[in-house]
Amino acid sequence: MLLARMEVQMERSINRAVKLLGTPQEYDKYLSIKLYPPHGCCCSHCWPETWRAVNSFISPYGHVCHEGDAVIGDGDDKFVLESHESGPEIIVYLALATASTALAKSIIDLITTFVKSLSKEYRKQPPRIKISKRQLIKGNVEEETIIEIDIPVSKESQKQIEERIKKLMNL
């Protein structure tokens, strides 16, 4: 039941990305980078400082509030950021992603902004955040944790995030 729900949610996310990016509806060519928080809801009401920082970071392209989404970037160097209660999600069309180091840098910087800002939301006990790669392949969600890090984020963790995202995007 949970797996079927994940597949439906992922299809919805990709379908929104298809409309926003104007890219083909080839489900297996999309990559989802999902940030899983330590606990609880991740909306702008529950993470106000984090979403303020993220919206400031993405401000040239718009902003995300509640359970919304936005296209980040220009030309082929763009991706979709979605806000979900379960955690933020970045949707990338792989045909664009594999050719662009600028796109990878934008995604890395956005993830770093999330992780650094999130540490301000959790002042008492530093939690861990999980970053996963998800793909819809032949109708099934394949998910793999690419990194789990403690927040506040260290320079070493920042470097690991950068390396793992570049590897995901074949750079």
Protein backbone atom coordinates (compact mmCIF):
# COMPACT_ATOMS: atom_id res chain seq x y z
CA MET A 1 0.00 0.00 0.00
CA LEU A 2 2.77 2.45 0.94
CA LEU A 3 4.71 1.62 -2.23
CA ALA A 4 1.64 2.20 -4.43
CA ARG A 5 1.08 5.54 -2.69
CA MET A 6 4.71 6.55 -3.31
CA GLU A 7 4.33 5.70 -7.00
CA VAL A 8 1.18 7.82 -7.33
CA GLN A 9 2.84 10.75 -5.50
CA MET A 10 5.92 10.50 -7.68
CA GLU A 11 3.80 10.39 -10.85
CA ARG A 12 1.99 13.53 -9.69
CA SER A 13 5.28 15.29 -9.00
CA ILE A 14 6.63 14.37 -12.42
CA ASN A 15 3.40 15.41 -14.13
CA ARG A 16 3.64 18.85 -12.45
CA ALA A 17 7.28 19.09 -13.53
CA VAL A 18 6.36 18.15 -17.12
CA LYS A 19 3.85 21.01 -17.24
CA LEU A 20 6.16 23.52 -15.58
CA LEU A 21 9.32 22.61 -17.52
CA GLY A 22 7.65 21.85 -20.85
CA THR A 23 9.55 18.56 -21.05
CA PRO A 24 8.42 15.12 -22.32
CA GLN A 25 6.39 12.81 -20.08
CA GLU A 26 9.07 10.11 -19.92
CA TYR A 27 8.81 9.08 -16.27
CA ASP A 28 12.08 7.15 -16.21
CA LYS A 29 14.03 10.25 -17.31
CA TYR A 30 13.20 12.27 -14.19
CA LEU A 31 15.17 12.31 -10.98
CA SER A 32 13.68 13.28 -7.64
CA ILE A 33 15.94 14.46 -4.86
CA LYS A 34 13.89 14.26 -1.66
CA LEU A 35 14.87 15.77 1.67
CA TYR A 36 13.42 13.92 4.63
CA PRO A 37 13.34 15.94 7.85
CA PRO A 38 13.97 14.49 11.28
CA HIS A 39 10.26 14.54 12.13
CA GLY A 40 7.00 16.34 11.58
CA CYS A 41 5.55 18.49 8.85
CA CYS A 42 7.82 20.50 6.56
CA CYS A 43 5.42 23.18 5.31
CA SER A 44 6.11 26.91 5.49
CA HIS A 45 4.08 27.15 8.72
CA CYS A 46 6.24 24.55 10.48
CA TRP A 47 9.58 25.63 8.95
CA PRO A 48 9.10 29.41 8.63
CA GLU A 49 12.80 30.35 8.92
CA THR A 50 13.89 27.65 6.48
CA TRP A 51 11.31 28.57 3.83
CA ARG A 52 12.14 32.29 4.22
CA ALA A 53 15.79 31.48 3.49
CA VAL A 54 14.88 29.18 0.59
CA ASN A 55 12.49 31.72 -0.91
CA SER A 56 15.17 34.39 -0.61
CA PHE A 57 17.60 32.05 -2.40
CA ILE A 58 15.17 31.30 -5.25
CA SER A 59 13.69 34.82 -5.38
CA PRO A 60 14.74 35.61 -8.95
CA TYR A 61 12.44 32.77 -10.05
CA GLY A 62 9.51 33.15 -7.67
CA HIS A 63 8.76 31.57 -4.32
CA VAL A 64 7.16 28.48 -2.85
CA CYS A 65 4.55 28.58 -0.14
CA HIS A 66 2.46 25.92 1.56
CA GLU A 67 2.35 22.89 -0.75
CA GLY A 68 3.40 24.77 -3.87
CA ASP A 69 6.08 24.49 -6.51
CA ALA A 70 8.35 26.69 -8.60
CA VAL A 71 10.61 26.40 -11.61
CA ILE A 72 14.16 27.34 -10.65
CA GLY A 73 16.70 28.37 -13.30
CA ASP A 74 16.77 29.47 -16.92
CA GLY A 75 16.92 27.74 -20.29
CA ASP A 76 18.06 24.14 -19.97
CA ASP A 77 19.47 24.83 -16.50
CA LYS A 78 16.17 24.52 -14.65
CA PHE A 79 14.42 22.18 -12.26
CA VAL A 80 11.27 22.13 -10.14
CA LEU A 81 11.18 22.65 -6.38
CA GLU A 82 8.09 21.27 -4.65
CA SER A 83 7.00 21.73 -1.07
CA HIS A 84 5.36 18.71 0.56
CA GLU A 85 4.44 18.01 4.17
CA SER A 86 6.82 15.05 3.99
CA GLY A 87 9.75 17.27 2.92
CA PRO A 88 10.93 19.33 -0.04
CA GLU A 89 11.49 17.64 -3.38
CA ILE A 90 13.60 18.66 -6.36
CA ILE A 91 12.53 17.24 -9.73
CA VAL A 92 15.12 17.22 -12.52
CA TYR A 93 14.66 16.15 -16.13
CA LEU A 94 17.77 14.05 -16.66
CA ALA A 95 18.18 14.88 -20.36
CA LEU A 96 18.92 18.45 -19.24
CA ALA A 97 20.72 17.61 -16.01
CA THR A 98 23.53 15.41 -17.30
CA ALA A 99 24.95 18.19 -19.47
CA SER A 100 25.06 21.02 -16.96
CA THR A 101 27.44 21.72 -14.11
CA ALA A 102 25.59 25.02 -13.55
CA LEU A 103 22.37 23.10 -12.90
CA ALA A 104 24.12 20.77 -10.47
CA LYS A 105 25.60 23.76 -8.64
CA SER A 106 22.15 25.38 -8.31
CA ILE A 107 20.73 22.18 -6.84
CA ILE A 108 23.67 21.76 -4.46
CA ASP A 109 23.35 25.38 -3.30
CA LEU A 110 19.60 24.96 -2.75
CA ILE A 111 20.06 21.77 -0.72
CA THR A 112 22.78 23.47 1.33
CA THR A 113 20.44 26.41 1.96
CA PHE A 114 17.75 24.01 3.20
CA VAL A 115 20.09 22.09 5.46
CA LYS A 116 21.82 25.14 6.94
CA SER A 117 18.54 26.98 7.49
CA LEU A 118 16.90 23.93 9.00
CA SER A 119 19.49 23.91 11.79
CA LYS A 120 17.95 27.19 13.02
CA GLU A 121 14.55 25.50 13.29
CA TYR A 122 15.97 22.76 15.56
CA ARG A 123 17.93 24.56 18.21
CA LYS A 124 17.61 22.10 21.11
CA GLN A 125 18.63 18.78 19.62
CA PRO A 126 20.62 18.54 16.40
CA PRO A 127 18.74 16.05 14.21
CA ARG A 128 19.73 14.13 11.11
CA ILE A 129 18.32 14.82 7.69
CA LYS A 130 18.16 12.22 4.95
CA ILE A 131 18.58 13.06 1.27
CA SER A 132 17.33 10.41 -1.13
CA LYS A 133 17.34 9.82 -4.85
CA ARG A 134 14.04 8.59 -6.24
CA GLN A 135 13.18 7.48 -9.76
CA LEU A 136 10.07 5.98 -11.31
CA ILE A 137 11.29 3.07 -13.42
CA LYS A 138 8.82 0.77 -15.19
CA GLY A 139 6.06 1.99 -12.87
CA ASN A 140 8.01 1.29 -9.67
CA VAL A 141 9.63 3.83 -7.36
CA GLU A 142 13.29 3.10 -6.79
CA GLU A 143 14.60 4.98 -3.79
CA GLU A 144 18.12 5.14 -2.47
CA THR A 145 19.46 7.21 0.41
CA ILE A 146 22.42 9.15 -0.90
CA ILE A 147 23.41 10.77 2.38
CA GLU A 148 22.29 11.20 5.98
CA ILE A 149 23.82 14.12 7.78
CA ASP A 150 23.64 15.75 11.17
CA ILE A 151 22.54 19.33 11.30
CA PRO A 152 23.91 21.87 11.81
CA VAL A 153 25.86 20.98 8.70
CA SER A 154 29.66 20.83 8.84
CA LYS A 155 32.06 21.75 6.04
CA GLU A 156 32.71 18.03 5.55
CA SER A 157 28.97 17.30 5.22
CA GLN A 158 28.65 20.15 2.74
CA LYS A 159 31.44 18.63 0.67
CA GLN A 160 29.77 15.21 0.81
CA ILE A 161 26.44 16.68 -0.39
CA GLU A 162 28.24 18.31 -3.31
CA GLU A 163 30.06 15.11 -4.29
CA ARG A 164 26.94 12.94 -4.06
CA ILE A 165 24.74 15.32 -6.10
CA LYS A 166 27.41 15.63 -8.82
CA LYS A 167 27.67 11.85 -8.94
CA LEU A 168 23.88 11.53 -9.25
CA MET A 169 23.95 13.89 -12.21
CA ASN A 170 26.92 12.14 -13.84
CA LEU A 171 29.28 15.11 -13.49
